[in-house]
PDB file of N, CA and C in Angstrom:
ATOM      1  N   MET A   1      56.284 115.102 150.031  1.00  0.00           N
ATOM      2  CA  MET A   1      56.415 113.489 150.252  1.00  0.00           C
ATOM      3  C   MET A   1      55.570 113.277 151.441  1.00  0.00           C
ATOM      4  N   ILE A   2      54.966 111.993 151.423  1.00  0.00           N
ATOM      5  CA  ILE A   2      54.026 111.698 152.668  1.00  0.00           C
ATOM      6  C   ILE A   2      54.992 111.146 153.754  1.00  0.00           C
ATOM      7  N   LEU A   3      54.490 111.537 154.994  1.00  0.00           N
ATOM      8  CA  LEU A   3      55.299 111.086 156.281  1.00  0.00           C
ATOM      9  C   LEU A   3      54.283 110.526 157.156  1.00  0.00           C
ATOM     10  N   GLU A   4      54.511 109.298 157.789  1.00  0.00           N
ATOM     11  CA  GLU A   4      53.840 108.584 158.700  1.00  0.00           C
ATOM     12  C   GLU A   4      54.652 108.484 159.905  1.00  0.00           C
ATOM     13  N   ILE A   5      54.216 108.432 161.019  1.00  0.00           N
ATOM     14  CA  ILE A   5      54.988 108.293 162.344  1.00  0.00           C
ATOM     15  C   ILE A   5      54.064 107.371 163.083  1.00  0.00           C
ATOM     16  N   LEU A   6      54.543 106.201 163.372  1.00  0.00           N
ATOM     17  CA  LEU A   6      53.675 105.198 164.016  1.00  0.00           C
ATOM     18  C   LEU A   6      54.447 104.623 165.340  1.00  0.00           C
ATOM     19  N   THR A   7      53.638 104.371 166.403  1.00  0.00           N
ATOM     20  CA  THR A   7      54.138 103.876 167.665  1.00  0.00           C
ATOM     21  C   THR A   7      53.214 102.696 167.798  1.00  0.00           C
ATOM     22  N   PRO A   8      53.666 101.615 168.689  1.00  0.00           N
ATOM     23  CA  PRO A   8      52.717 100.396 168.897  1.00  0.00           C
ATOM     24  C   PRO A   8      51.340 100.740 169.197  1.00  0.00           C
ATOM     25  N   GLU A   9      51.130 101.876 169.975  1.00  0.00           N
ATOM     26  CA  GLU A   9      49.863 102.373 170.338  1.00  0.00           C
ATOM     27  C   GLU A   9      48.971 103.098 169.344  1.00  0.00           C
ATOM     28  N   LYS A  10      49.608 103.940 168.658  1.00  0.00           N
ATOM     29  CA  LYS A  10      48.708 104.835 167.702  1.00  0.00           C
ATOM     30  C   LYS A  10      49.550 105.452 166.516  1.00  0.00           C
ATOM     31  N   LYS A  11      48.855 106.081 165.696  1.00  0.00           N
ATOM     32  CA  LYS A  11      49.650 106.785 164.644  1.00  0.00           C
ATOM     33  C   LYS A  11      49.643 108.168 165.034  1.00  0.00           C
ATOM     34  N   LEU A  12      50.858 108.882 165.133  1.00  0.00           N
ATOM     35  CA  LEU A  12      51.239 110.036 165.664  1.00  0.00           C
ATOM     36  C   LEU A  12      51.053 111.344 164.698  1.00  0.00           C
ATOM     37  N   TYR A  13      51.487 110.874 163.400  1.00  0.00           N
ATOM     38  CA  TYR A  13      51.285 111.832 162.352  1.00  0.00           C
ATOM     39  C   TYR A  13      51.213 111.269 161.002  1.00  0.00           C
ATOM     40  N   SER A  14      50.415 111.847 160.232  1.00  0.00           N
ATOM     41  CA  SER A  14      50.232 111.457 158.857  1.00  0.00           C
ATOM     42  C   SER A  14      49.853 112.653 157.974  1.00  0.00           C
ATOM     43  N   GLY A  15      50.779 112.915 156.929  1.00  0.00           N
ATOM     44  CA  GLY A  15      50.417 114.068 156.079  1.00  0.00           C
ATOM     45  C   GLY A  15      51.561 114.316 155.212  1.00  0.00           C
ATOM     46  N   GLU A  16      51.382 115.431 154.339  1.00  0.00           N
ATOM     47  CA  GLU A  16      52.347 115.799 153.248  1.00  0.00           C
ATOM     48  C   GLU A  16      53.378 116.659 154.010  1.00  0.00           C
ATOM     49  N   VAL A  17      54.618 116.581 153.755  1.00  0.00           N
ATOM     50  CA  VAL A  17      55.651 117.284 154.253  1.00  0.00           C
ATOM     51  C   VAL A  17      56.754 117.780 153.357  1.00  0.00           C
ATOM     52  N   TYR A  18      57.480 118.739 153.801  1.00  0.00           N
ATOM     53  CA  TYR A  18      58.790 119.091 153.016  1.00  0.00           C
ATOM     54  C   TYR A  18      59.868 118.075 153.207  1.00  0.00           C
ATOM     55  N   GLY A  19      60.125 117.692 154.440  1.00  0.00           N
ATOM     56  CA  GLY A  19      61.214 116.850 154.903  1.00  0.00           C
ATOM     57  C   GLY A  19      60.947 116.461 156.313  1.00  0.00           C
ATOM     58  N   VAL A  20      61.941 115.667 156.736  1.00  0.00           N
ATOM     59  CA  VAL A  20      61.840 115.146 158.109  1.00  0.00           C
ATOM     60  C   VAL A  20      63.425 115.079 158.521  1.00  0.00           C
ATOM     61  N   GLN A  21      63.646 115.475 159.827  1.00  0.00           N
ATOM     62  CA  GLN A  21      65.071 115.406 160.294  1.00  0.00           C
ATOM     63  C   GLN A  21      64.965 114.253 161.491  1.00  0.00           C
ATOM     64  N   LEU A  22      65.838 113.213 161.272  1.00  0.00           N
ATOM     65  CA  LEU A  22      65.754 112.023 162.206  1.00  0.00           C
ATOM     66  C   LEU A  22      67.121 111.914 162.968  1.00  0.00           C
ATOM     67  N   PRO A  23      66.920 111.215 164.151  1.00  0.00           N
ATOM     68  CA  PRO A  23      68.303 110.898 164.820  1.00  0.00           C
ATOM     69  C   PRO A  23      68.745 109.576 164.560  1.00  0.00           C
ATOM     70  N   GLY A  24      69.625 109.299 163.506  1.00  0.00           N
ATOM     71  CA  GLY A  24      70.130 108.035 163.205  1.00  0.00           C
ATOM     72  C   GLY A  24      70.976 107.466 164.467  1.00  0.00           C
ATOM     73  N   ILE A  25      71.527 106.275 164.356  1.00  0.00           N
ATOM     74  CA  ILE A  25      72.156 105.681 165.468  1.00  0.00           C
ATOM     75  C   ILE A  25      73.711 106.303 165.241  1.00  0.00           C
ATOM     76  N   SER A  26      74.068 106.839 164.095  1.00  0.00           N
ATOM     77  CA  SER A  26      75.220 107.635 163.882  1.00  0.00           C
ATOM     78  C   SER A  26      75.307 109.098 163.860  1.00  0.00           C
ATOM     79  N   GLY A  27      74.109 109.641 164.123  1.00  0.00           N
ATOM     80  CA  GLY A  27      74.052 111.082 164.144  1.00  0.00           C
ATOM     81  C   GLY A  27      72.653 111.452 163.283  1.00  0.00           C
ATOM     82  N   LEU A  28      72.498 112.728 163.318  1.00  0.00           N
ATOM     83  CA  LEU A  28      71.165 113.380 162.466  1.00  0.00           C
ATOM     84  C   LEU A  28      71.318 113.079 161.067  1.00  0.00           C
ATOM     85  N   PHE A  29      70.264 112.905 160.460  1.00  0.00           N
ATOM     86  CA  PHE A  29      70.152 113.000 158.998  1.00  0.00           C
ATOM     87  C   PHE A  29      68.744 113.593 158.567  1.00  0.00           C
ATOM     88  N   GLU A  30      68.536 114.008 157.453  1.00  0.00           N
ATOM     89  CA  GLU A  30      67.389 114.557 156.813  1.00  0.00           C
ATOM     90  C   GLU A  30      66.938 113.902 155.584  1.00  0.00           C
ATOM     91  N   ILE A  31      65.638 113.655 155.573  1.00  0.00           N
ATOM     92  CA  ILE A  31      64.969 113.076 154.252  1.00  0.00           C
ATOM     93  C   ILE A  31      64.162 114.139 153.756  1.00  0.00           C
ATOM     94  N   LEU A  32      64.345 114.507 152.440  1.00  0.00           N
ATOM     95  CA  LEU A  32      63.597 115.450 151.846  1.00  0.00           C
ATOM     96  C   LEU A  32      62.659 114.787 150.720  1.00  0.00           C
ATOM     97  N   ASP A  33      61.863 115.563 150.041  1.00  0.00           N
ATOM     98  CA  ASP A  33      61.202 115.155 148.858  1.00  0.00           C
ATOM     99  C   ASP A  33      61.774 114.447 147.921  1.00  0.00           C
ATOM    100  N   LYS A  34      61.345 113.327 147.303  1.00  0.00           N
ATOM    101  CA  LYS A  34      61.944 112.516 146.216  1.00  0.00           C
ATOM    102  C   LYS A  34      63.370 111.900 146.711  1.00  0.00           C
ATOM    103  N   HIS A  35      63.374 111.450 148.023  1.00  0.00           N
ATOM    104  CA  HIS A  35      64.581 110.870 148.537  1.00  0.00           C
ATOM    105  C   HIS A  35      64.704 109.384 147.940  1.00  0.00           C
ATOM    106  N   ALA A  36      65.826 108.997 147.449  1.00  0.00           N
ATOM    107  CA  ALA A  36      66.076 107.473 147.137  1.00  0.00           C
ATOM    108  C   ALA A  36      65.577 106.559 148.250  1.00  0.00           C
ATOM    109  N   PRO A  37      65.280 105.265 147.855  1.00  0.00           N
ATOM    110  CA  PRO A  37      64.818 104.359 148.889  1.00  0.00           C
ATOM    111  C   PRO A  37      65.685 104.169 149.858  1.00  0.00           C
ATOM    112  N   LEU A  38      65.340 103.871 151.242  1.00  0.00           N
ATOM    113  CA  LEU A  38      66.259 103.890 152.333  1.00  0.00           C
ATOM    114  C   LEU A  38      65.459 103.137 153.396  1.00  0.00           C
ATOM    115  N   VAL A  39      66.465 102.399 154.132  1.00  0.00           N
ATOM    116  CA  VAL A  39      65.823 101.959 155.512  1.00  0.00           C
ATOM    117  C   VAL A  39      67.145 102.105 156.475  1.00  0.00           C
ATOM    118  N   SER A  40      66.720 102.626 157.711  1.00  0.00           N
ATOM    119  CA  SER A  40      67.818 103.029 158.576  1.00  0.00           C
ATOM    120  C   SER A  40      67.240 102.962 160.070  1.00  0.00           C
ATOM    121  N   ALA A  41      68.034 102.600 161.016  1.00  0.00           N
ATOM    122  CA  ALA A  41      67.809 102.316 162.336  1.00  0.00           C
ATOM    123  C   ALA A  41      67.856 103.844 163.013  1.00  0.00           C
ATOM    124  N   LEU A  42      66.934 104.159 163.932  1.00  0.00           N
ATOM    125  CA  LEU A  42      66.951 105.408 164.510  1.00  0.00           C
ATOM    126  C   LEU A  42      67.452 105.221 166.013  1.00  0.00           C
ATOM    127  N   GLY A  43      67.999 106.151 166.555  1.00  0.00           N
ATOM    128  CA  GLY A  43      68.352 106.312 167.927  1.00  0.00           C
ATOM    129  C   GLY A  43      67.414 107.124 168.822  1.00  0.00           C
ATOM    130  N   LYS A  44      67.639 107.223 169.869  1.00  0.00           N
ATOM    131  CA  LYS A  44      66.854 108.188 170.899  1.00  0.00           C
ATOM    132  C   LYS A  44      67.192 109.634 170.563  1.00  0.00           C
ATOM    133  N   GLY A  45      66.357 110.442 170.491  1.00  0.00           N
ATOM    134  CA  GLY A  45      66.631 111.833 170.293  1.00  0.00           C
ATOM    135  C   GLY A  45      65.536 112.688 169.647  1.00  0.00           C
ATOM    136  N   ASN A  46      65.650 113.907 168.887  1.00  0.00           N
ATOM    137  CA  ASN A  46      64.485 114.576 168.480  1.00  0.00           C
ATOM    138  C   ASN A  46      64.432 114.452 166.988  1.00  0.00           C
ATOM    139  N   LEU A  47      63.110 114.331 166.709  1.00  0.00           N
ATOM    140  CA  LEU A  47      62.547 114.308 165.400  1.00  0.00           C
ATOM    141  C   LEU A  47      61.999 115.456 164.861  1.00  0.00           C
ATOM    142  N   LYS A  48      62.256 116.146 163.853  1.00  0.00           N
ATOM    143  CA  LYS A  48      61.701 117.461 163.355  1.00  0.00           C
ATOM    144  C   LYS A  48      61.053 117.231 161.982  1.00  0.00           C
ATOM    145  N   ILE A  49      59.601 117.479 161.987  1.00  0.00           N
ATOM    146  CA  ILE A  49      58.946 117.387 160.749  1.00  0.00           C
ATOM    147  C   ILE A  49      59.100 118.867 160.221  1.00  0.00           C
ATOM    148  N   LEU A  50      59.521 118.809 158.898  1.00  0.00           N
ATOM    149  CA  LEU A  50      59.535 120.003 158.147  1.00  0.00           C
ATOM    150  C   LEU A  50      58.425 120.134 157.443  1.00  0.00           C
ATOM    151  N   LYS A  51      57.156 120.839 157.905  1.00  0.00           N
ATOM    152  CA  LYS A  51      55.984 120.873 157.183  1.00  0.00           C
ATOM    153  C   LYS A  51      56.190 121.788 155.961  1.00  0.00           C
ATOM    154  N   ASP A  52      56.823 122.781 155.999  1.00  0.00           N
ATOM    155  CA  ASP A  52      57.236 123.622 154.888  1.00  0.00           C
ATOM    156  C   ASP A  52      58.533 124.273 155.066  1.00  0.00           C
ATOM    157  N   LYS A  53      59.050 125.195 154.511  1.00  0.00           N
ATOM    158  CA  LYS A  53      60.333 125.975 154.809  1.00  0.00           C
ATOM    159  C   LYS A  53      60.483 126.590 156.140  1.00  0.00           C
ATOM    160  N   LYS A  54      59.297 127.098 156.682  1.00  0.00           N
ATOM    161  CA  LYS A  54      59.383 127.683 157.963  1.00  0.00           C
ATOM    162  C   LYS A  54      58.641 127.013 159.110  1.00  0.00           C
ATOM    163  N   GLU A  55      57.610 126.221 158.895  1.00  0.00           N
ATOM    164  CA  GLU A  55      56.777 125.474 159.877  1.00  0.00           C
ATOM    165  C   GLU A  55      57.434 124.098 160.312  1.00  0.00           C
ATOM    166  N   VAL A  56      57.845 124.075 161.576  1.00  0.00           N
ATOM    167  CA  VAL A  56      58.343 122.892 162.044  1.00  0.00           C
ATOM    168  C   VAL A  56      57.618 122.193 163.266  1.00  0.00           C
ATOM    169  N   GLU A  57      57.526 120.989 163.275  1.00  0.00           N
ATOM    170  CA  GLU A  57      56.795 120.275 164.485  1.00  0.00           C
ATOM    171  C   GLU A  57      57.889 119.247 164.977  1.00  0.00           C
ATOM    172  N   SER A  58      58.070 119.129 166.346  1.00  0.00           N
ATOM    173  CA  SER A  58      59.135 118.181 166.964  1.00  0.00           C
ATOM    174  C   SER A  58      58.470 117.348 167.883  1.00  0.00           C
ATOM    175  N   TYR A  59      59.099 116.159 167.923  1.00  0.00           N
ATOM    176  CA  TYR A  59      58.963 115.054 168.816  1.00  0.00           C
ATOM    177  C   TYR A  59      60.226 114.485 169.385  1.00  0.00           C
ATOM    178  N   SER A  60      60.295 114.139 170.623  1.00  0.00           N
ATOM    179  CA  SER A  60      61.309 113.466 171.374  1.00  0.00           C
ATOM    180  C   SER A  60      60.865 111.892 171.179  1.00  0.00           C
ATOM    181  N   ILE A  61      61.785 111.137 170.429  1.00  0.00           N
ATOM    182  CA  ILE A  61      61.430 109.728 169.926  1.00  0.00           C
ATOM    183  C   ILE A  61      62.456 108.727 170.757  1.00  0.00           C
ATOM    184  N   GLN A  62      61.954 107.582 171.088  1.00  0.00           N
ATOM    185  CA  GLN A  62      62.900 106.408 171.407  1.00  0.00           C
ATOM    186  C   GLN A  62      63.334 105.699 170.236  1.00  0.00           C
ATOM    187  N   SER A  63      64.009 104.681 170.356  1.00  0.00           N
ATOM    188  CA  SER A  63      64.601 104.042 169.116  1.00  0.00           C
ATOM    189  C   SER A  63      63.409 103.597 168.204  1.00  0.00           C
ATOM    190  N   GLY A  64      63.990 103.286 166.930  1.00  0.00           N
ATOM    191  CA  GLY A  64      63.063 102.786 165.980  1.00  0.00           C
ATOM    192  C   GLY A  64      63.735 102.708 164.644  1.00  0.00           C
ATOM    193  N   PHE A  65      62.951 102.718 163.703  1.00  0.00           N
ATOM    194  CA  PHE A  65      63.406 102.592 162.135  1.00  0.00           C
ATOM    195  C   PHE A  65      62.476 103.459 161.233  1.00  0.00           C
ATOM    196  N   VAL A  66      63.195 103.807 160.192  1.00  0.00           N
ATOM    197  CA  VAL A  66      62.727 104.686 159.074  1.00  0.00           C
ATOM    198  C   VAL A  66      62.739 103.817 157.753  1.00  0.00           C
ATOM    199  N   GLU A  67      61.676 103.803 156.780  1.00  0.00           N
ATOM    200  CA  GLU A  67      61.719 103.451 155.647  1.00  0.00           C
ATOM    201  C   GLU A  67      61.295 104.326 154.562  1.00  0.00           C
ATOM    202  N   VAL A  68      61.931 104.563 153.568  1.00  0.00           N
ATOM    203  CA  VAL A  68      61.494 105.455 152.535  1.00  0.00           C
ATOM    204  C   VAL A  68      61.389 104.627 151.350  1.00  0.00           C
ATOM    205  N   ILE A  69      60.274 104.845 150.506  1.00  0.00           N
ATOM    206  CA  ILE A  69      59.838 104.186 149.277  1.00  0.00           C
ATOM    207  C   ILE A  69      58.890 104.918 148.553  1.00  0.00           C
ATOM    208  N   ASN A  70      59.024 105.083 147.241  1.00  0.00           N
ATOM    209  CA  ASN A  70      57.975 105.656 146.479  1.00  0.00           C
ATOM    210  C   ASN A  70      57.486 107.041 146.925  1.00  0.00           C
ATOM    211  N   ASN A  71      58.453 107.944 147.371  1.00  0.00           N
ATOM    212  CA  ASN A  71      58.201 109.246 148.177  1.00  0.00           C
ATOM    213  C   ASN A  71      57.357 109.233 149.443  1.00  0.00           C
ATOM    214  N   LYS A  72      57.563 108.169 150.053  1.00  0.00           N
ATOM    215  CA  LYS A  72      56.713 108.051 151.254  1.00  0.00           C
ATOM    216  C   LYS A  72      57.762 107.697 152.348  1.00  0.00           C
ATOM    217  N   ALA A  73      57.640 108.300 153.663  1.00  0.00           N
ATOM    218  CA  ALA A  73      58.632 108.003 154.558  1.00  0.00           C
ATOM    219  C   ALA A  73      57.736 107.361 155.750  1.00  0.00           C
ATOM    220  N   THR A  74      58.041 106.097 156.316  1.00  0.00           N
ATOM    221  CA  THR A  74      57.336 105.641 157.303  1.00  0.00           C
ATOM    222  C   THR A  74      58.266 105.390 158.455  1.00  0.00           C
ATOM    223  N   VAL A  75      57.898 105.958 159.524  1.00  0.00           N
ATOM    224  CA  VAL A  75      58.807 105.934 160.832  1.00  0.00           C
ATOM    225  C   VAL A  75      58.095 105.299 161.993  1.00  0.00           C
ATOM    226  N   LEU A  76      58.855 104.139 162.322  1.00  0.00           N
ATOM    227  CA  LEU A  76      58.339 103.388 163.294  1.00  0.00           C
ATOM    228  C   LEU A  76      59.180 103.532 164.677  1.00  0.00           C
ATOM    229  N   VAL A  77      58.435 103.940 165.687  1.00  0.00           N
ATOM    230  CA  VAL A  77      59.188 104.209 166.879  1.00  0.00           C
ATOM    231  C   VAL A  77      58.454 103.511 168.049  1.00  0.00           C
ATOM    232  N   GLU A  78      59.366 103.331 169.131  1.00  0.00           N
ATOM    233  CA  GLU A  78      58.776 102.475 170.351  1.00  0.00           C
ATOM    234  C   GLU A  78      57.920 103.524 171.142  1.00  0.00           C
ATOM    235  N   GLY A  79      58.405 104.699 171.284  1.00  0.00           N
ATOM    236  CA  GLY A  79      57.673 105.771 171.799  1.00  0.00           C
ATOM    237  C   GLY A  79      58.053 107.132 171.397  1.00  0.00           C
ATOM    238  N   ALA A  80      57.172 108.186 171.554  1.00  0.00           N
ATOM    239  CA  ALA A  80      57.284 109.567 171.167  1.00  0.00           C
ATOM    240  C   ALA A  80      56.440 110.411 172.135  1.00  0.00           C
ATOM    241  N   VAL A  81      56.924 111.620 172.163  1.00  0.00           N
ATOM    242  CA  VAL A  81      56.236 112.795 172.852  1.00  0.00           C
ATOM    243  C   VAL A  81      56.500 114.053 172.159  1.00  0.00           C
ATOM    244  N   GLU A  82      55.439 114.572 171.871  1.00  0.00           N
ATOM    245  CA  GLU A  82      55.591 116.018 171.218  1.00  0.00           C
ATOM    246  C   GLU A  82      56.091 117.070 171.914  1.00  0.00           C
ATOM    247  N   LEU A  83      57.017 117.739 171.330  1.00  0.00           N
ATOM    248  CA  LEU A  83      57.667 118.825 172.095  1.00  0.00           C
ATOM    249  C   LEU A  83      57.128 120.249 171.953  1.00  0.00           C
TER     250      LEU A  83
END
C-alpha cells in the first residue's frame, strides 16, 4: 500500500509500506495492505510506519485525520517529529 504523511509545512513521508499503526481518538489501530476504505480522526501519540515485517519508522504526531482509499493511506497531521 502507498502511505503519505502530510503536515501544513511539508510532506514527511511518501512510499510503499506493509502497514501503519495510528493513534486514533479512541485508541491505537492498524491499517494493512488492501484495507477497506476508511476516514478516521487521529489523536496525539505515536505513528509507526511498518515498512516491512521487521523495519519500523516512528513519528510523534499531533491530532489529524487519515483517509484510506484504493490501497492508499493519506495521513494529515498538524505536526510531527521523527523519533
